[in-house]
Amino acid sequence: MLIVVKELLYAVRTLFTTNKDRVVLLGLVLIAAMISVSELAVAKIFTKIIGHEKSMDTTKLVILIVGFFLFFGVTKAGHFLQRVYKVRFFEKAFKESSTDVTAAKENWRWSLAFELTNILSTCTQLGVIILFFAYLSWQFAVVNILVVLAIFQVYGALFSHQLDAQRGFVIARRNKELITNAVRIGTRVKSGEIGVLISGIAMLILLGVLIYLSYIDGISTSNTIVLFFGLKMQNSNFSNISTALMRFARARTNSE
């Protein structure tokens, strides 16, 4: 796991050389976290509307419905604006950089920047989800944190292996050694999919814990539903991180 942190920090320092650019990068990552909170808030409001629509006061019901659509709209708009602004931000940051690179390595720097922000944003979303889980059920949150740490340990090992493999491909290309696309692409895809499989197994374990806590009345029905949606979001984030880390390893070695 430490090697992942080390490589991400290296990419931040080399791609975004000014403090201003790093602050903007942090802002983009925090916006992603806010989007994650909004999505979970949407799920919470939706379950409250469905669970109490018949017994709830009309005024309160209208307020919740308006809030639901407002949160939903903000979530989608924020997601769109963040992705569009990223391109302009990268262009400006690279122009301000004093580093001279070839056209080929410039393309890989763009790939590296996209994967960097993708991974940082997704990891921030994971942090927000973990905190949200703790708010809903501290018992479930403790189990979830242990599972998350275990997953990142596996991802760290897969990432380290992928860095070595991709550096080997770069050296082979320089030496004009033939390596088939099936090997080059297959190595990256296989590692990413192993990570996805691991996160899927972890989700099944967490679902079992969630069902058990709900069965013994450790979690309310509405919170169980929200936690279920949160688990799906968390699993999606892990799948994204797994494949993004492998693409990051490829871009990192080719941009050296």
Protein backbone atom coordinates (compact mmCIF):
# COMPACT_ATOMS: atom_id res chain seq x y z
CA MET A 1 0.00 0.00 0.00
CA LEU A 2 2.89 2.36 0.75
CA ILE A 3 4.22 2.08 -2.79
CA VAL A 4 0.88 3.35 -4.11
CA VAL A 5 1.06 6.41 -1.83
CA LYS A 6 4.70 7.01 -2.83
CA GLU A 7 3.96 6.90 -6.56
CA LEU A 8 0.87 9.11 -6.26
CA LEU A 9 2.85 11.76 -4.35
CA TYR A 10 5.61 11.58 -6.94
CA ALA A 11 3.09 12.18 -9.72
CA VAL A 12 1.61 15.17 -7.89
CA ARG A 13 5.05 16.75 -7.45
CA THR A 14 6.20 16.19 -11.03
CA LEU A 15 2.97 16.99 -12.89
CA PHE A 16 1.84 19.98 -10.83
CA THR A 17 4.93 21.97 -10.01
CA THR A 18 3.38 25.07 -8.41
CA ASN A 19 1.55 25.34 -5.11
CA LYS A 20 -1.36 27.03 -6.90
CA ASP A 21 -1.85 24.05 -9.19
CA ARG A 22 -1.69 21.65 -6.25
CA VAL A 23 -4.36 23.65 -4.45
CA VAL A 24 -6.59 23.48 -7.53
CA LEU A 25 -5.96 19.73 -7.72
CA LEU A 26 -7.00 19.41 -4.08
CA GLY A 27 -10.14 21.39 -4.87
CA LEU A 28 -11.06 19.02 -7.70
CA VAL A 29 -10.57 16.05 -5.38
CA LEU A 30 -12.73 17.64 -2.65
CA ILE A 31 -15.47 18.36 -5.18
CA ALA A 32 -15.49 14.65 -5.98
CA ALA A 33 -15.93 13.95 -2.26
CA MET A 34 -18.85 16.38 -2.06
CA ILE A 35 -20.46 14.61 -5.01
CA SER A 36 -20.12 11.34 -3.12
CA VAL A 37 -21.81 12.85 -0.05
CA SER A 38 -24.63 14.17 -2.23
CA GLU A 39 -25.23 10.73 -3.75
CA LEU A 40 -25.46 9.14 -0.32
CA ALA A 41 -27.71 11.97 0.88
CA VAL A 42 -29.97 11.34 -2.14
CA ALA A 43 -30.25 7.68 -1.14
CA LYS A 44 -31.03 8.63 2.48
CA ILE A 45 -33.73 11.13 1.47
CA PHE A 46 -35.24 8.65 -1.00
CA THR A 47 -35.57 5.91 1.63
CA LYS A 48 -37.14 8.37 4.05
CA ILE A 49 -39.69 9.45 1.43
CA ILE A 50 -40.60 5.88 0.50
CA GLY A 51 -40.72 4.65 4.09
CA HIS A 52 -42.89 7.45 5.51
CA GLU A 53 -44.76 8.93 2.55
CA LYS A 54 -48.20 7.90 3.86
CA SER A 55 -47.73 9.04 7.48
CA MET A 56 -45.66 12.16 6.79
CA ASP A 57 -47.00 15.71 6.89
CA THR A 58 -47.66 17.06 3.37
CA THR A 59 -45.40 20.10 3.80
CA LYS A 60 -42.52 17.98 5.07
CA LEU A 61 -43.04 15.49 2.24
CA VAL A 62 -42.88 18.27 -0.37
CA ILE A 63 -39.70 19.65 1.21
CA LEU A 64 -38.07 16.20 1.11
CA ILE A 65 -39.10 15.64 -2.51
CA VAL A 66 -37.71 19.05 -3.53
CA GLY A 67 -34.53 18.33 -1.58
CA PHE A 68 -34.23 14.94 -3.29
CA PHE A 69 -34.37 16.43 -6.79
CA LEU A 70 -32.10 19.31 -5.77
CA PHE A 71 -29.42 16.99 -4.40
CA PHE A 72 -29.75 14.76 -7.44
CA GLY A 73 -29.33 17.71 -9.82
CA VAL A 74 -26.35 19.12 -7.91
CA THR A 75 -24.68 15.71 -7.96
CA LYS A 76 -24.94 15.29 -11.72
CA ALA A 77 -24.01 18.90 -12.49
CA GLY A 78 -21.00 18.78 -10.18
CA HIS A 79 -19.79 15.55 -11.73
CA PHE A 80 -20.06 17.06 -15.23
CA LEU A 81 -18.34 20.34 -14.37
CA GLN A 82 -15.49 18.63 -12.57
CA ARG A 83 -14.66 16.42 -15.54
CA VAL A 84 -14.87 19.26 -18.06
CA TYR A 85 -12.72 21.65 -16.01
CA LYS A 86 -10.04 18.99 -15.48
CA VAL A 87 -8.94 19.19 -19.12
CA ARG A 88 -8.46 22.98 -19.02
CA PHE A 89 -6.64 22.70 -15.71
CA PHE A 90 -4.19 20.08 -17.01
CA GLU A 91 -3.41 22.14 -20.09
CA LYS A 92 -2.69 25.25 -18.02
CA ALA A 93 -0.60 23.35 -15.45
CA PHE A 94 1.55 21.65 -18.11
CA LYS A 95 2.19 24.95 -19.90
CA GLU A 96 3.37 26.52 -16.64
CA SER A 97 5.68 23.58 -15.98
CA SER A 98 9.36 24.19 -16.78
CA THR A 99 9.88 20.53 -17.65
CA ASP A 100 10.82 19.86 -21.29
CA VAL A 101 9.47 16.56 -22.57
CA THR A 102 9.07 14.93 -25.96
CA ALA A 103 5.69 14.80 -27.68
CA ALA A 104 5.35 11.09 -26.90
CA LYS A 105 6.05 11.59 -23.20
CA GLU A 106 3.71 14.59 -23.16
CA ASN A 107 0.86 12.26 -24.17
CA TRP A 108 1.77 9.90 -21.36
CA ARG A 109 1.84 12.83 -18.91
CA TRP A 110 -1.77 13.57 -19.84
CA SER A 111 -2.69 9.95 -19.25
CA LEU A 112 -0.83 9.99 -15.94
CA ALA A 113 -2.63 13.17 -14.83
CA PHE A 114 -6.06 11.74 -15.66
CA GLU A 115 -5.36 8.51 -13.78
CA LEU A 116 -3.89 10.45 -10.84
CA THR A 117 -6.96 12.65 -10.39
CA ASN A 118 -9.23 9.66 -10.95
CA ILE A 119 -7.49 7.65 -8.20
CA LEU A 120 -7.27 10.58 -5.76
CA SER A 121 -10.93 11.50 -6.29
CA THR A 122 -12.09 7.92 -5.88
CA CYS A 123 -9.99 7.41 -2.73
CA THR A 124 -11.45 10.62 -1.28
CA GLN A 125 -14.94 9.34 -2.06
CA LEU A 126 -14.07 6.13 -0.26
CA GLY A 127 -13.04 8.13 2.79
CA VAL A 128 -16.34 9.99 2.76
CA ILE A 129 -18.28 6.74 2.39
CA ILE A 130 -16.42 5.23 5.36
CA LEU A 131 -17.30 8.27 7.50
CA PHE A 132 -20.91 8.06 6.36
CA PHE A 133 -21.00 4.39 7.33
CA ALA A 134 -19.65 5.32 10.78
CA TYR A 135 -22.47 7.87 11.12
CA LEU A 136 -25.09 5.22 10.32
CA SER A 137 -23.53 2.28 12.24
CA TRP A 138 -20.18 2.28 14.03
CA GLN A 139 -20.20 -1.53 14.29
CA PHE A 140 -20.50 -1.97 10.55
CA ALA A 141 -17.96 0.84 9.96
CA VAL A 142 -15.29 -0.96 12.02
CA VAL A 143 -15.66 -4.16 10.00
CA ASN A 144 -15.69 -2.14 6.79
CA ILE A 145 -12.45 -0.32 7.66
CA LEU A 146 -10.66 -3.63 8.29
CA VAL A 147 -11.87 -4.98 4.94
CA VAL A 148 -10.86 -1.77 3.13
CA LEU A 149 -7.33 -1.92 4.57
CA ALA A 150 -7.00 -5.55 3.49
CA ILE A 151 -8.11 -4.68 -0.05
CA PHE A 152 -5.57 -1.86 -0.31
CA GLN A 153 -2.82 -4.22 0.78
CA VAL A 154 -3.71 -6.53 -2.10
CA TYR A 155 -3.92 -3.57 -4.50
CA GLY A 156 -0.47 -2.44 -3.39
CA ALA A 157 1.02 -5.83 -4.26
CA LEU A 158 -0.74 -5.90 -7.64
CA PHE A 159 0.41 -2.34 -8.39
CA SER A 160 4.04 -3.10 -7.50
CA HIS A 161 3.99 -6.14 -9.78
CA GLN A 162 2.45 -4.10 -12.57
CA LEU A 163 5.13 -1.38 -12.30
CA ASP A 164 7.83 -4.01 -12.74
CA ALA A 165 6.00 -5.57 -15.69
CA GLN A 166 5.44 -2.24 -17.45
CA ARG A 167 9.07 -1.18 -16.96
CA GLY A 168 10.06 -4.49 -18.53
CA PHE A 169 7.86 -3.70 -21.54
CA VAL A 170 9.45 -0.24 -21.90
CA ILE A 171 12.95 -1.72 -21.82
CA ALA A 172 11.95 -4.39 -24.33
CA ARG A 173 10.59 -1.73 -26.70
CA ARG A 174 13.83 0.26 -26.48
CA ASN A 175 15.78 -2.90 -27.25
CA LYS A 176 13.41 -3.57 -30.15
CA GLU A 177 12.26 -6.85 -28.65
CA LEU A 178 8.88 -8.05 -29.86
CA ILE A 179 6.18 -8.41 -27.20
CA THR A 180 2.70 -9.18 -28.42
CA ASN A 181 -0.28 -6.99 -27.57
CA ALA A 182 -1.89 -9.98 -25.89
CA VAL A 183 0.95 -10.03 -23.37
CA ARG A 184 1.29 -6.28 -22.84
CA ILE A 185 -2.43 -5.55 -22.57
CA GLY A 186 -3.32 -8.87 -21.00
CA THR A 187 -0.92 -8.35 -18.10
CA ARG A 188 -2.51 -5.03 -17.21
CA VAL A 189 -6.10 -6.22 -17.68
CA LYS A 190 -5.53 -9.39 -15.65
CA SER A 191 -4.08 -7.47 -12.69
CA GLY A 192 -6.94 -4.96 -12.78
CA GLU A 193 -9.57 -7.68 -12.94
CA ILE A 194 -7.98 -9.59 -10.07
CA GLY A 195 -8.43 -6.42 -8.01
CA VAL A 196 -12.04 -6.15 -9.13
CA LEU A 197 -12.63 -9.79 -8.14
CA ILE A 198 -11.09 -9.20 -4.70
CA SER A 199 -13.34 -6.18 -4.11
CA GLY A 200 -16.36 -8.22 -5.22
CA ILE A 201 -15.55 -10.95 -2.68
CA ALA A 202 -15.10 -8.29 -0.01
CA MET A 203 -18.51 -6.83 -0.85
CA LEU A 204 -20.13 -10.24 -0.35
CA ILE A 205 -18.51 -10.46 3.09
CA LEU A 206 -19.71 -6.97 4.01
CA LEU A 207 -23.21 -7.74 2.72
CA GLY A 208 -23.28 -10.77 5.01
CA VAL A 209 -22.27 -8.58 7.97
CA LEU A 210 -24.92 -6.02 7.01
CA ILE A 211 -27.66 -8.66 6.79
CA TYR A 212 -26.62 -10.07 10.16
CA LEU A 213 -26.65 -6.67 11.88
CA SER A 214 -30.06 -5.93 10.36
CA TYR A 215 -31.36 -9.35 11.50
CA ILE A 216 -30.37 -8.70 15.14
CA ASP A 217 -31.84 -5.16 14.90
CA GLY A 218 -28.41 -3.60 15.12
CA ILE A 219 -29.28 -1.34 12.18
CA SER A 220 -32.66 0.17 11.24
CA THR A 221 -34.32 -0.87 7.98
CA SER A 222 -33.85 2.54 6.34
CA ASN A 223 -30.18 2.69 7.31
CA THR A 224 -29.68 -0.86 6.05
CA ILE A 225 -30.98 0.19 2.63
CA VAL A 226 -28.70 3.25 2.57
CA LEU A 227 -25.72 1.13 3.63
CA PHE A 228 -26.54 -1.30 0.83
CA PHE A 229 -26.43 1.55 -1.71
CA GLY A 230 -23.23 2.77 -0.07
CA LEU A 231 -21.66 -0.67 -0.38
CA LYS A 232 -22.48 -0.76 -4.08
CA MET A 233 -20.87 2.66 -4.48
CA GLN A 234 -17.84 1.55 -2.48
CA ASN A 235 -17.45 -1.59 -4.58
CA SER A 236 -17.73 0.48 -7.75
CA ASN A 237 -15.03 2.81 -6.42
CA PHE A 238 -12.73 -0.12 -5.65
CA SER A 239 -13.23 -1.52 -9.14
CA ASN A 240 -12.38 1.90 -10.55
CA ILE A 241 -9.24 2.16 -8.37
CA SER A 242 -8.05 -1.31 -9.34
CA THR A 243 -8.18 -0.71 -13.09
CA ALA A 244 -6.98 2.91 -12.77
CA LEU A 245 -3.90 1.83 -10.79
CA MET A 246 -2.86 -0.50 -13.60
CA ARG A 247 -3.30 2.25 -16.19
CA PHE A 248 -1.41 4.59 -13.86
CA ALA A 249 1.49 2.11 -13.73
CA ARG A 250 1.61 2.01 -17.55
CA ALA A 251 1.54 5.81 -17.86
CA ARG A 252 4.07 6.22 -15.04
CA THR A 253 6.68 3.95 -16.61
CA ASN A 254 6.21 5.33 -20.12
CA SER A 255 6.50 8.95 -18.94
CA GLU A 256 9.83 8.37 -17.15
